[in-house]
Amino acid sequence: GTGELLSAEAFVEQTTWVTLPPMTSERAYGLGLGLLHGWLGHEGSLPGYNTAPYHRADIDGLVVVFANSDIPDANHVSPTLAVYGPIIAILNREYPLPVNGE
């Protein structure tokens, strides 16, 4: 999530966000890395298994959620993102995202 294991050029390339629907400033995707409400990570799933590890560098925060299910809820949200969403909402309220790179 910080790019320290990559060259500076590779991290810039990885975090060059693609703007495809439903991508927004709250949700975007780069080269194997997602941005979700200010957190960098990538959700993954296999039959019966789902994970969502996300990192926020400015607070050195890491949230990792694992589930032994890959069945989405009624709103088509994966099990891990259903848990992850409320957790990061609390963290983002306690530690507001920087505005304009501040």
Protein backbone atom coordinates (compact mmCIF):
# COMPACT_ATOMS: atom_id res chain seq x y z
CA GLY A 1 0.00 0.00 0.00
CA THR A 2 2.97 2.37 0.27
CA GLY A 3 4.90 1.32 -2.84
CA GLU A 4 8.10 0.75 -0.85
CA LEU A 5 8.64 -2.66 -2.47
CA LEU A 6 8.36 -1.19 -5.98
CA SER A 7 10.29 1.36 -7.95
CA ALA A 8 8.75 4.83 -7.87
CA GLU A 9 7.82 4.45 -11.54
CA ALA A 10 6.10 1.10 -10.95
CA PHE A 11 4.07 2.50 -8.04
CA VAL A 12 2.96 5.47 -10.15
CA GLU A 13 1.91 3.06 -12.89
CA GLN A 14 0.11 0.83 -10.39
CA THR A 15 -1.83 3.77 -8.95
CA THR A 16 -2.78 5.36 -12.27
CA TRP A 17 -6.52 4.90 -11.87
CA VAL A 18 -8.76 3.66 -14.64
CA THR A 19 -12.07 5.47 -14.93
CA LEU A 20 -14.62 2.87 -15.86
CA PRO A 21 -18.20 2.79 -14.55
CA PRO A 22 -18.93 2.53 -11.65
CA MET A 23 -15.50 3.98 -10.77
CA THR A 24 -15.57 7.31 -8.92
CA SER A 25 -13.25 9.32 -6.71
CA GLU A 26 -14.36 6.96 -3.92
CA ARG A 27 -13.72 3.80 -5.94
CA ALA A 28 -11.11 3.25 -8.65
CA TYR A 29 -8.85 0.55 -10.06
CA GLY A 30 -5.23 0.60 -11.17
CA LEU A 31 -2.75 -2.12 -12.11
CA GLY A 32 -3.77 -4.94 -9.74
CA LEU A 33 -4.66 -2.48 -7.00
CA GLY A 34 -7.96 -0.92 -6.00
CA LEU A 35 -8.81 2.33 -4.24
CA LEU A 36 -11.88 2.07 -2.02
CA HIS A 37 -12.86 5.08 0.11
CA GLY A 38 -9.21 6.14 0.53
CA TRP A 39 -7.83 2.64 1.16
CA LEU A 40 -5.57 0.68 -1.24
CA GLY A 41 -6.01 -3.06 -1.67
CA HIS A 42 -7.63 -5.80 -3.69
CA GLU A 43 -10.48 -8.11 -2.87
CA GLY A 44 -10.18 -11.74 -3.87
CA SER A 45 -12.32 -14.82 -3.78
CA LEU A 46 -12.37 -18.49 -4.62
CA PRO A 47 -15.33 -20.84 -4.23
CA GLY A 48 -16.18 -20.75 -0.53
CA TYR A 49 -13.52 -18.17 0.38
CA ASN A 50 -13.32 -14.37 0.27
CA THR A 51 -10.72 -11.84 1.45
CA ALA A 52 -10.34 -8.04 1.49
CA PRO A 53 -6.98 -6.58 2.62
CA TYR A 54 -6.78 -2.76 2.45
CA HIS A 55 -4.15 -0.24 3.62
CA ARG A 56 -4.31 3.50 4.25
CA ALA A 57 -0.79 4.93 4.27
CA ASP A 58 -1.50 8.32 5.92
CA ILE A 59 -2.61 6.62 9.17
CA ASP A 60 -0.57 3.43 8.65
CA GLY A 61 -3.88 1.58 8.89
CA LEU A 62 -4.43 -1.98 7.74
CA VAL A 63 -7.78 -3.77 7.63
CA VAL A 64 -7.88 -7.41 6.57
CA VAL A 65 -11.15 -9.33 6.48
CA PHE A 66 -11.41 -13.05 5.66
CA ALA A 67 -14.63 -15.00 5.20
CA ASN A 68 -15.27 -18.66 4.52
CA SER A 69 -18.04 -17.76 2.09
CA ASP A 70 -18.13 -16.15 -1.33
CA ILE A 71 -21.91 -15.68 -1.45
CA PRO A 72 -22.82 -11.98 -1.79
CA ASP A 73 -25.56 -10.36 0.27
CA ALA A 74 -28.90 -9.14 -1.13
CA ASN A 75 -27.17 -6.01 -2.50
CA HIS A 76 -24.56 -8.12 -4.35
CA VAL A 77 -21.82 -7.11 -1.89
CA SER A 78 -19.24 -9.77 -1.07
CA PRO A 79 -19.06 -11.03 2.54
CA THR A 80 -15.72 -9.35 3.26
CA LEU A 81 -16.72 -5.99 1.80
CA ALA A 82 -19.96 -6.13 3.81
CA VAL A 83 -17.78 -6.26 6.95
CA TYR A 84 -14.97 -4.04 5.63
CA GLY A 85 -17.31 -1.17 4.66
CA PRO A 86 -18.56 -0.35 8.18
CA ILE A 87 -15.05 -0.75 9.66
CA ILE A 88 -13.45 1.76 7.28
CA ALA A 89 -16.44 4.09 7.63
CA ILE A 90 -15.67 4.28 11.37
CA LEU A 91 -11.92 4.69 10.76
CA ASN A 92 -12.47 7.37 8.11
CA ARG A 93 -14.78 9.24 10.51
CA GLU A 94 -12.17 9.05 13.30
CA TYR A 95 -9.28 9.82 10.92
CA PRO A 96 -10.69 12.00 8.09
CA LEU A 97 -9.10 11.59 4.69
CA PRO A 98 -6.68 14.35 3.72
CA VAL A 99 -8.18 16.99 1.44
CA ASN A 100 -6.18 18.03 -1.65
CA GLY A 101 -3.18 15.92 -0.61
CA GLU A 102 -2.76 17.68 2.77
